[in-house]
Amino acid sequence: MAKLALIPVLLALGCLFAGLYGALHNQISYTVSPEYFTRFKFPQMSIPESLPERVGAAIVGVLASWWMGLVIGVFVIPVALRMPDARTFFAATLRAYAVVAMTTLVVGLLALAAAFLLIDEETVDHFMRFANEIEDNVAFARAGTIHNFSYLGGLIGIVTGCVSIVVRRRHDIGRL
């Protein structure tokens, strides 16, 4: 019964972790292409022009990613319920959230590296082309690539997070 009472708390923490991750992730994306935010994401998310741009990028990150905490929790929490008690259930879920975040970060950084290797002035048209008001199409495309692959990273992270719980459970059973 104690484990079931923790589920809403863990879902809320999952949303908090995902939102914070999005805020931090967007600091990298903003560094790659401020225009991705000022010309695309800020208008899309109704971010006021009066805000400092990096704050706006962080807000966009929270708004675009908090809900992934629910998605992640829906998959991770049932796997963690196999832990023997409320304390290990709670700890295993938080650890899995960290594994999801690290997996997402690694996928995002790999996407960033690929974007820098594959997208340049000669190839940007093959990836995407934007309206005339975009001054740096290459940087914009690179930031978009990072953004898109972050969701893939989150989905892969769900798998690695669940695997981390199963491995921990097997490790704990082996010590008994």
N, C-alpha and C. Protein backbone atom coordinates (compact mmCIF):
# COMPACT_ATOMS: atom_id res chain seq x y z
N MET A 1 0.82 -1.20 0.00
CA MET A 1 0.00 0.00 0.00
C MET A 1 0.86 1.26 0.00
N ALA A 2 1.98 1.23 0.71
CA ALA A 2 2.86 2.40 0.77
C ALA A 2 3.45 2.72 -0.60
N LYS A 3 3.75 1.66 -1.38
CA LYS A 3 4.30 1.89 -2.71
C LYS A 3 3.27 2.59 -3.60
N LEU A 4 2.03 2.17 -3.52
CA LEU A 4 0.99 2.78 -4.35
C LEU A 4 0.79 4.25 -4.01
N ALA A 5 0.95 4.59 -2.74
CA ALA A 5 0.80 5.99 -2.32
C ALA A 5 1.93 6.87 -2.89
N LEU A 6 3.06 6.26 -3.23
CA LEU A 6 4.18 7.01 -3.78
C LEU A 6 4.05 7.30 -5.28
N ILE A 7 3.16 6.62 -5.95
CA ILE A 7 3.05 6.77 -7.41
C ILE A 7 2.78 8.21 -7.83
N PRO A 8 1.80 8.92 -7.24
CA PRO A 8 1.60 10.32 -7.67
C PRO A 8 2.83 11.20 -7.41
N VAL A 9 3.52 10.95 -6.31
CA VAL A 9 4.73 11.72 -6.00
C VAL A 9 5.80 11.44 -7.05
N LEU A 10 5.96 10.18 -7.42
CA LEU A 10 6.97 9.82 -8.42
C LEU A 10 6.61 10.35 -9.81
N LEU A 11 5.33 10.36 -10.14
CA LEU A 11 4.92 10.96 -11.41
C LEU A 11 5.23 12.46 -11.43
N ALA A 12 4.94 13.13 -10.32
CA ALA A 12 5.24 14.56 -10.22
C ALA A 12 6.75 14.80 -10.30
N LEU A 13 7.53 13.97 -9.63
CA LEU A 13 8.99 14.10 -9.71
C LEU A 13 9.50 13.83 -11.13
N GLY A 14 8.87 12.88 -11.81
CA GLY A 14 9.23 12.60 -13.19
C GLY A 14 9.01 13.83 -14.07
N CYS A 15 7.88 14.52 -13.86
CA CYS A 15 7.59 15.75 -14.61
C CYS A 15 8.59 16.84 -14.27
N LEU A 16 8.95 16.94 -13.00
CA LEU A 16 9.94 17.93 -12.58
C LEU A 16 11.30 17.64 -13.21
N PHE A 17 11.74 16.39 -13.16
CA PHE A 17 13.02 16.01 -13.76
C PHE A 17 13.01 16.30 -15.25
N ALA A 18 11.93 15.92 -15.94
CA ALA A 18 11.86 16.12 -17.39
C ALA A 18 11.86 17.62 -17.72
N GLY A 19 11.14 18.40 -16.95
CA GLY A 19 11.12 19.84 -17.19
C GLY A 19 12.47 20.48 -16.96
N LEU A 20 13.15 20.09 -15.90
CA LEU A 20 14.50 20.62 -15.64
C LEU A 20 15.47 20.18 -16.72
N TYR A 21 15.34 18.95 -17.15
CA TYR A 21 16.19 18.47 -18.24
C TYR A 21 15.96 19.33 -19.49
N GLY A 22 14.71 19.57 -19.82
CA GLY A 22 14.40 20.39 -20.99
C GLY A 22 14.98 21.78 -20.88
N ALA A 23 14.90 22.37 -19.70
CA ALA A 23 15.45 23.72 -19.49
C ALA A 23 16.96 23.73 -19.71
N LEU A 24 17.65 22.74 -19.17
CA LEU A 24 19.11 22.66 -19.33
C LEU A 24 19.49 22.30 -20.76
N HIS A 25 18.76 21.38 -21.34
CA HIS A 25 19.01 20.95 -22.72
C HIS A 25 18.91 22.14 -23.68
N ASN A 26 17.93 22.99 -23.44
CA ASN A 26 17.74 24.13 -24.34
C ASN A 26 18.84 25.17 -24.23
N GLN A 27 19.61 25.12 -23.16
CA GLN A 27 20.75 26.02 -23.07
C GLN A 27 21.81 25.62 -24.11
N ILE A 28 21.94 24.32 -24.33
CA ILE A 28 22.86 23.83 -25.37
C ILE A 28 22.30 24.21 -26.74
N SER A 29 21.02 23.93 -26.95
CA SER A 29 20.39 24.25 -28.25
C SER A 29 20.45 25.74 -28.54
N TYR A 30 20.24 26.56 -27.53
CA TYR A 30 20.31 28.02 -27.72
C TYR A 30 21.71 28.44 -28.13
N THR A 31 22.71 27.81 -27.55
CA THR A 31 24.10 28.12 -27.91
C THR A 31 24.35 27.80 -29.38
N VAL A 32 23.76 26.72 -29.87
CA VAL A 32 23.92 26.33 -31.27
C VAL A 32 23.19 27.31 -32.18
N SER A 33 21.95 27.69 -31.82
CA SER A 33 21.17 28.58 -32.68
C SER A 33 20.19 29.42 -31.88
N PRO A 34 20.57 30.62 -31.50
CA PRO A 34 19.60 31.50 -30.84
C PRO A 34 18.36 31.74 -31.71
N GLU A 35 18.55 31.77 -33.03
CA GLU A 35 17.42 31.99 -33.93
C GLU A 35 16.37 30.89 -33.85
N TYR A 36 16.78 29.68 -33.55
CA TYR A 36 15.83 28.58 -33.40
C TYR A 36 14.78 28.95 -32.37
N PHE A 37 15.21 29.70 -31.36
CA PHE A 37 14.29 30.12 -30.31
C PHE A 37 13.61 31.44 -30.66
N THR A 38 14.40 32.44 -31.03
CA THR A 38 13.83 33.78 -31.25
C THR A 38 12.88 33.81 -32.45
N ARG A 39 13.14 33.02 -33.47
CA ARG A 39 12.32 33.04 -34.68
C ARG A 39 11.28 31.93 -34.74
N PHE A 40 11.46 30.90 -33.94
CA PHE A 40 10.58 29.73 -34.05
C PHE A 40 9.91 29.38 -32.72
N LYS A 41 10.70 28.98 -31.73
CA LYS A 41 10.13 28.47 -30.48
C LYS A 41 9.45 29.55 -29.64
N PHE A 42 10.04 30.74 -29.55
CA PHE A 42 9.41 31.80 -28.74
C PHE A 42 8.04 32.16 -29.28
N PRO A 43 7.90 32.42 -30.59
CA PRO A 43 6.55 32.69 -31.09
C PRO A 43 5.61 31.49 -30.93
N GLN A 44 6.13 30.28 -31.16
CA GLN A 44 5.32 29.08 -31.04
C GLN A 44 4.78 28.91 -29.62
N MET A 45 5.60 29.23 -28.62
CA MET A 45 5.22 29.03 -27.22
C MET A 45 4.78 30.32 -26.53
N SER A 46 4.61 31.38 -27.29
CA SER A 46 4.18 32.69 -26.75
C SER A 46 5.08 33.20 -25.63
N ILE A 47 6.38 33.09 -25.85
CA ILE A 47 7.36 33.59 -24.88
C ILE A 47 7.51 35.10 -25.11
N PRO A 48 7.31 35.91 -24.08
CA PRO A 48 7.41 37.37 -24.25
C PRO A 48 8.82 37.80 -24.67
N GLU A 49 8.87 38.76 -25.58
CA GLU A 49 10.16 39.29 -26.05
C GLU A 49 10.92 40.00 -24.95
N SER A 50 10.22 40.40 -23.89
CA SER A 50 10.87 41.14 -22.81
C SER A 50 11.75 40.25 -21.92
N LEU A 51 11.56 38.94 -21.99
CA LEU A 51 12.38 38.03 -21.19
C LEU A 51 13.79 37.92 -21.76
N PRO A 52 14.78 37.76 -20.90
CA PRO A 52 16.11 37.42 -21.41
C PRO A 52 16.00 36.13 -22.23
N GLU A 53 16.71 36.06 -23.34
CA GLU A 53 16.54 34.95 -24.27
C GLU A 53 16.87 33.59 -23.66
N ARG A 54 17.89 33.52 -22.83
CA ARG A 54 18.22 32.22 -22.22
C ARG A 54 17.14 31.78 -21.23
N VAL A 55 16.52 32.73 -20.55
CA VAL A 55 15.39 32.39 -19.67
C VAL A 55 14.24 31.88 -20.52
N GLY A 56 13.99 32.56 -21.63
CA GLY A 56 12.95 32.10 -22.55
C GLY A 56 13.23 30.70 -23.06
N ALA A 57 14.49 30.42 -23.40
CA ALA A 57 14.86 29.08 -23.87
C ALA A 57 14.61 28.04 -22.78
N ALA A 58 14.91 28.39 -21.53
CA ALA A 58 14.65 27.47 -20.42
C ALA A 58 13.16 27.21 -20.26
N ILE A 59 12.36 28.26 -20.38
CA ILE A 59 10.90 28.10 -20.26
C ILE A 59 10.38 27.22 -21.39
N VAL A 60 10.87 27.44 -22.60
CA VAL A 60 10.48 26.58 -23.72
C VAL A 60 10.83 25.13 -23.40
N GLY A 61 12.00 24.90 -22.83
CA GLY A 61 12.42 23.54 -22.47
C GLY A 61 11.48 22.89 -21.48
N VAL A 62 11.08 23.65 -20.47
CA VAL A 62 10.15 23.11 -19.47
C VAL A 62 8.81 22.79 -20.13
N LEU A 63 8.29 23.74 -20.90
CA LEU A 63 6.98 23.55 -21.55
C LEU A 63 6.98 22.41 -22.55
N ALA A 64 8.11 22.21 -23.22
CA ALA A 64 8.18 21.18 -24.24
C ALA A 64 8.48 19.79 -23.69
N SER A 65 8.91 19.70 -22.45
CA SER A 65 9.36 18.39 -21.97
C SER A 65 8.74 17.89 -20.67
N TRP A 66 8.08 18.71 -19.90
CA TRP A 66 7.58 18.24 -18.59
C TRP A 66 6.71 17.01 -18.74
N TRP A 67 5.89 16.99 -19.78
CA TRP A 67 4.94 15.90 -19.98
C TRP A 67 5.63 14.56 -20.25
N MET A 68 6.89 14.62 -20.72
CA MET A 68 7.64 13.37 -20.92
C MET A 68 7.84 12.65 -19.59
N GLY A 69 7.82 13.41 -18.49
CA GLY A 69 7.90 12.78 -17.17
C GLY A 69 6.74 11.83 -16.92
N LEU A 70 5.55 12.20 -17.40
CA LEU A 70 4.39 11.31 -17.29
C LEU A 70 4.58 10.05 -18.13
N VAL A 71 5.03 10.25 -19.37
CA VAL A 71 5.25 9.12 -20.27
C VAL A 71 6.30 8.19 -19.68
N ILE A 72 7.40 8.75 -19.23
CA ILE A 72 8.47 7.95 -18.65
C ILE A 72 7.96 7.21 -17.41
N GLY A 73 7.26 7.94 -16.54
CA GLY A 73 6.74 7.33 -15.32
C GLY A 73 5.78 6.19 -15.58
N VAL A 74 4.94 6.32 -16.60
CA VAL A 74 3.97 5.26 -16.91
C VAL A 74 4.67 3.94 -17.22
N PHE A 75 5.87 4.02 -17.78
CA PHE A 75 6.60 2.80 -18.10
C PHE A 75 7.54 2.36 -16.98
N VAL A 76 8.21 3.32 -16.36
CA VAL A 76 9.23 3.01 -15.36
C VAL A 76 8.61 2.56 -14.02
N ILE A 77 7.58 3.25 -13.60
CA ILE A 77 6.99 2.96 -12.27
C ILE A 77 6.47 1.53 -12.15
N PRO A 78 5.73 0.99 -13.13
CA PRO A 78 5.29 -0.40 -12.98
C PRO A 78 6.45 -1.40 -12.87
N VAL A 79 7.54 -1.13 -13.57
CA VAL A 79 8.71 -2.02 -13.46
C VAL A 79 9.30 -1.90 -12.06
N ALA A 80 9.37 -0.68 -11.55
CA ALA A 80 9.94 -0.46 -10.21
C ALA A 80 9.06 -1.02 -9.11
N LEU A 81 7.77 -1.18 -9.36
CA LEU A 81 6.88 -1.76 -8.34
C LEU A 81 7.30 -3.17 -7.94
N ARG A 82 8.13 -3.81 -8.73
CA ARG A 82 8.62 -5.15 -8.39
C ARG A 82 9.68 -5.12 -7.29
N MET A 83 10.12 -3.92 -6.94
CA MET A 83 11.08 -3.81 -5.84
C MET A 83 10.38 -4.22 -4.55
N PRO A 84 11.13 -4.76 -3.58
CA PRO A 84 10.49 -5.39 -2.42
C PRO A 84 9.77 -4.46 -1.44
N ASP A 85 10.17 -3.20 -1.36
CA ASP A 85 9.53 -2.31 -0.38
C ASP A 85 9.47 -0.89 -0.93
N ALA A 86 8.80 -0.02 -0.18
CA ALA A 86 8.58 1.35 -0.64
C ALA A 86 9.89 2.12 -0.81
N ARG A 87 10.83 1.91 0.09
CA ARG A 87 12.09 2.64 0.02
C ARG A 87 12.86 2.27 -1.24
N THR A 88 13.00 0.98 -1.53
CA THR A 88 13.74 0.57 -2.72
C THR A 88 12.96 0.89 -4.00
N PHE A 89 11.64 0.86 -3.93
CA PHE A 89 10.80 1.27 -5.06
C PHE A 89 11.05 2.73 -5.41
N PHE A 90 11.04 3.58 -4.40
CA PHE A 90 11.25 5.01 -4.59
C PHE A 90 12.66 5.27 -5.15
N ALA A 91 13.65 4.65 -4.53
CA ALA A 91 15.04 4.85 -4.96
C ALA A 91 15.27 4.31 -6.37
N ALA A 92 14.71 3.15 -6.67
CA ALA A 92 14.89 2.57 -8.01
C ALA A 92 14.25 3.44 -9.07
N THR A 93 13.11 4.03 -8.77
CA THR A 93 12.44 4.90 -9.74
C THR A 93 13.27 6.16 -9.97
N LEU A 94 13.76 6.78 -8.92
CA LEU A 94 14.59 7.97 -9.08
C LEU A 94 15.88 7.66 -9.84
N ARG A 95 16.46 6.52 -9.55
CA ARG A 95 17.67 6.10 -10.26
C ARG A 95 17.36 5.89 -11.75
N ALA A 96 16.21 5.29 -12.03
CA ALA A 96 15.80 5.07 -13.42
C ALA A 96 15.59 6.40 -14.13
N TYR A 97 15.00 7.39 -13.44
CA TYR A 97 14.84 8.71 -14.04
C TYR A 97 16.20 9.31 -14.40
N ALA A 98 17.19 9.10 -13.54
CA ALA A 98 18.54 9.60 -13.83
C ALA A 98 19.12 8.88 -15.04
N VAL A 99 18.88 7.58 -15.14
CA VAL A 99 19.36 6.81 -16.30
C VAL A 99 18.69 7.31 -17.57
N VAL A 100 17.39 7.60 -17.51
CA VAL A 100 16.68 8.14 -18.66
C VAL A 100 17.30 9.47 -19.08
N ALA A 101 17.55 10.33 -18.11
CA ALA A 101 18.14 11.64 -18.42
C ALA A 101 19.52 11.49 -19.05
N MET A 102 20.33 10.61 -18.51
CA MET A 102 21.68 10.42 -19.06
C MET A 102 21.60 9.83 -20.47
N THR A 103 20.70 8.89 -20.68
CA THR A 103 20.53 8.31 -22.02
C THR A 103 20.10 9.38 -23.00
N THR A 104 19.14 10.20 -22.59
CA THR A 104 18.65 11.27 -23.44
C THR A 104 19.77 12.25 -23.77
N LEU A 105 20.58 12.57 -22.77
CA LEU A 105 21.71 13.47 -22.99
C LEU A 105 22.69 12.88 -23.99
N VAL A 106 23.02 11.61 -23.84
CA VAL A 106 23.97 10.96 -24.76
C VAL A 106 23.41 10.97 -26.18
N VAL A 107 22.14 10.63 -26.35
CA VAL A 107 21.53 10.64 -27.68
C VAL A 107 21.55 12.07 -28.25
N GLY A 108 21.22 13.04 -27.42
CA GLY A 108 21.25 14.43 -27.87
C GLY A 108 22.63 14.88 -28.29
N LEU A 109 23.65 14.50 -27.52
CA LEU A 109 25.02 14.88 -27.88
C LEU A 109 25.49 14.17 -29.14
N LEU A 110 25.06 12.93 -29.32
CA LEU A 110 25.39 12.23 -30.57
C LEU A 110 24.70 12.91 -31.75
N ALA A 111 23.45 13.33 -31.55
CA ALA A 111 22.73 14.06 -32.61
C ALA A 111 23.43 15.39 -32.91
N LEU A 112 23.91 16.05 -31.87
CA LEU A 112 24.65 17.30 -32.06
C LEU A 112 25.92 17.06 -32.87
N ALA A 113 26.66 16.03 -32.51
CA ALA A 113 27.88 15.72 -33.25
C ALA A 113 27.55 15.38 -34.71
N ALA A 114 26.53 14.58 -34.93
CA ALA A 114 26.13 14.23 -36.29
C ALA A 114 25.68 15.46 -37.06
N ALA A 115 24.95 16.35 -36.38
CA ALA A 115 24.48 17.57 -37.04
C ALA A 115 25.66 18.43 -37.48
N PHE A 116 26.69 18.52 -36.65
CA PHE A 116 27.86 19.32 -37.02
C PHE A 116 28.66 18.65 -38.14
N LEU A 117 28.63 17.33 -38.18
CA LEU A 117 29.35 16.61 -39.25
C LEU A 117 28.58 16.62 -40.57
N LEU A 118 27.26 16.56 -40.50
CA LEU A 118 26.46 16.35 -41.71
C LEU A 118 25.79 17.60 -42.27
N ILE A 119 25.53 18.58 -41.42
CA ILE A 119 24.80 19.76 -41.89
C ILE A 119 25.75 20.94 -42.04
N ASP A 120 25.88 21.41 -43.27
CA ASP A 120 26.66 22.61 -43.56
C ASP A 120 25.95 23.36 -44.68
N GLU A 121 26.58 24.40 -45.18
CA GLU A 121 25.94 25.22 -46.22
C GLU A 121 25.57 24.41 -47.46
N GLU A 122 26.37 23.41 -47.78
CA GLU A 122 26.12 22.62 -48.98
C GLU A 122 25.02 21.58 -48.78
N THR A 123 24.83 21.13 -47.56
CA THR A 123 23.87 20.04 -47.32
C THR A 123 22.58 20.47 -46.63
N VAL A 124 22.50 21.70 -46.15
CA VAL A 124 21.35 22.11 -45.34
C VAL A 124 20.03 21.93 -46.09
N ASP A 125 20.05 22.13 -47.41
CA ASP A 125 18.82 21.96 -48.19
C ASP A 125 18.30 20.53 -48.14
N HIS A 126 19.19 19.56 -47.95
CA HIS A 126 18.77 18.17 -47.86
C HIS A 126 18.09 17.87 -46.52
N PHE A 127 18.39 18.66 -45.54
CA PHE A 127 17.82 18.44 -44.21
C PHE A 127 16.56 19.28 -44.01
N MET A 128 16.68 20.56 -44.24
CA MET A 128 15.54 21.46 -44.09
C MET A 128 15.93 22.85 -44.56
N ARG A 129 14.95 23.58 -45.02
CA ARG A 129 15.17 24.95 -45.43
C ARG A 129 14.06 25.78 -44.81
N PHE A 130 14.42 26.96 -44.38
CA PHE A 130 13.47 27.78 -43.65
C PHE A 130 13.20 29.07 -44.39
N ALA A 131 12.28 29.82 -43.86
CA ALA A 131 11.89 31.08 -44.48
C ALA A 131 13.08 32.04 -44.56
N ASN A 132 12.94 33.04 -45.40
CA ASN A 132 14.03 33.99 -45.63
C ASN A 132 14.47 34.73 -44.38
N GLU A 133 13.62 34.83 -43.37
CA GLU A 133 14.01 35.60 -42.19
C GLU A 133 15.03 34.88 -41.31
N ILE A 134 15.33 33.62 -41.60
CA ILE A 134 16.36 32.90 -40.86
C ILE A 134 17.71 33.26 -41.48
N GLU A 135 18.60 33.79 -40.66
CA GLU A 135 19.90 34.21 -41.17
C GLU A 135 20.91 33.06 -41.24
N ASP A 136 20.81 32.12 -40.31
CA ASP A 136 21.77 31.01 -40.27
C ASP A 136 21.00 29.69 -40.34
N ASN A 137 20.69 29.27 -41.57
CA ASN A 137 19.93 28.03 -41.77
C ASN A 137 20.66 26.81 -41.23
N VAL A 138 21.99 26.81 -41.31
CA VAL A 138 22.77 25.66 -40.85
C VAL A 138 22.61 25.49 -39.34
N ALA A 139 22.82 26.56 -38.58
CA ALA A 139 22.68 26.48 -37.13
C ALA A 139 21.25 26.13 -36.75
N PHE A 140 20.29 26.71 -37.44
CA PHE A 140 18.88 26.44 -37.18
C PHE A 140 18.59 24.95 -37.38
N ALA A 141 19.07 24.38 -38.48
CA ALA A 141 18.87 22.96 -38.76
C ALA A 141 19.55 22.08 -37.72
N ARG A 142 20.72 22.49 -37.27
CA ARG A 142 21.43 21.72 -36.24
C ARG A 142 20.64 21.73 -34.94
N ALA A 143 20.14 22.88 -34.54
CA ALA A 143 19.35 22.96 -33.30
C ALA A 143 18.07 22.13 -33.43
N GLY A 144 17.44 22.18 -34.59
CA GLY A 144 16.25 21.37 -34.82
C GLY A 144 16.54 19.89 -34.73
N THR A 145 17.70 19.49 -35.22
CA THR A 145 18.11 18.09 -35.16
C THR A 145 18.27 17.64 -33.71
N ILE A 146 18.92 18.46 -32.91
CA ILE A 146 19.10 18.13 -31.49
C ILE A 146 17.73 18.00 -30.82
N HIS A 147 16.85 18.94 -31.09
CA HIS A 147 15.51 18.92 -30.51
C HIS A 147 14.78 17.63 -30.87
N ASN A 148 14.76 17.28 -32.14
CA ASN A 148 14.03 16.10 -32.57
C ASN A 148 14.60 14.81 -31.98
N PHE A 149 15.90 14.73 -31.92
CA PHE A 149 16.52 13.51 -31.40
C PHE A 149 16.39 13.39 -29.89
N SER A 150 16.09 14.48 -29.20
CA SER A 150 15.91 14.39 -27.75
C SER A 150 14.70 13.55 -27.39
N TYR A 151 13.65 13.65 -28.19
CA TYR A 151 12.48 12.80 -27.93
C TYR A 151 12.81 11.34 -28.16
N LEU A 152 13.58 11.06 -29.20
CA LEU A 152 14.04 9.69 -29.42
C LEU A 152 14.88 9.22 -28.24
N GLY A 153 15.75 10.12 -27.75
CA GLY A 153 16.57 9.79 -26.58
C GLY A 153 15.72 9.46 -25.37
N GLY A 154 14.63 10.20 -25.18
CA GLY A 154 13.73 9.91 -24.07
C GLY A 154 13.09 8.54 -24.20
N LEU A 155 12.71 8.17 -25.41
CA LEU A 155 12.11 6.84 -25.62
C LEU A 155 13.13 5.73 -25.40
N ILE A 156 14.34 5.92 -25.90
CA ILE A 156 15.40 4.94 -25.64
C ILE A 156 15.70 4.92 -24.15
N GLY A 157 15.66 6.09 -23.52
CA GLY A 157 15.91 6.19 -22.09
C GLY A 157 14.90 5.41 -21.26
N ILE A 158 13.67 5.34 -21.71
CA ILE A 158 12.67 4.53 -21.00
C ILE A 158 13.16 3.09 -20.92
N VAL A 159 13.69 2.58 -22.02
CA VAL A 159 14.19 1.20 -22.05
C VAL A 159 15.38 1.06 -21.10
N THR A 160 16.35 1.98 -21.20
CA THR A 160 17.54 1.86 -20.34
C THR A 160 17.17 2.05 -18.87
N GLY A 161 16.21 2.93 -18.61
CA GLY A 161 15.76 3.12 -17.22
C GLY A 161 15.12 1.86 -16.66
N CYS A 162 14.28 1.22 -17.46
CA CYS A 162 13.64 -0.02 -17.01
C CYS A 162 14.67 -1.13 -16.83
N VAL A 163 15.61 -1.19 -17.74
CA VAL A 163 16.68 -2.19 -17.62
C VAL A 163 17.46 -1.96 -16.33
N SER A 164 17.72 -0.70 -15.99
CA SER A 164 18.46 -0.42 -14.76
C SER A 164 17.72 -0.94 -13.53
N ILE A 165 16.41 -0.86 -13.55
CA ILE A 165 15.62 -1.38 -12.43
C ILE A 165 15.71 -2.90 -12.36
N VAL A 166 15.57 -3.56 -13.50
CA VAL A 166 15.63 -5.02 -13.54
C VAL A 166 17.00 -5.51 -13.08
N VAL A 167 18.05 -4.84 -13.55
CA VAL A 167 19.41 -5.22 -13.14
C VAL A 167 19.57 -5.04 -11.64
N ARG A 168 19.09 -3.93 -11.11
CA ARG A 168 19.19 -3.68 -9.67
C ARG A 168 18.42 -4.73 -8.87
N ARG A 169 17.24 -5.07 -9.35
CA ARG A 169 16.41 -6.08 -8.66
C ARG A 169 17.13 -7.42 -8.65
N ARG A 170 17.69 -7.81 -9.78
CA ARG A 170 18.43 -9.08 -9.85
C ARG A 170 19.66 -9.05 -8.95
N HIS A 171 20.33 -7.93 -8.91
CA HIS A 171 21.50 -7.77 -8.04
C HIS A 171 21.09 -7.93 -6.57
N ASP A 172 19.99 -7.28 -6.20
CA ASP A 172 19.51 -7.37 -4.82
C ASP A 172 19.08 -8.78 -4.45
N ILE A 173 18.43 -9.48 -5.37
CA ILE A 173 18.00 -10.86 -5.11
C ILE A 173 19.22 -11.76 -4.95
N GLY A 174 20.27 -11.51 -5.75
CA GLY A 174 21.49 -12.31 -5.67
C GLY A 174 22.21 -12.15 -4.35
N ARG A 175 22.00 -11.03 -3.67
CA ARG A 175 22.68 -10.80 -2.38
C ARG A 175 21.93 -11.44 -1.22
N LEU A 176 20.69 -11.86 -1.46
CA LEU A 176 19.90 -12.45 -0.36
C LEU A 176 20.30 -13.85 -0.03
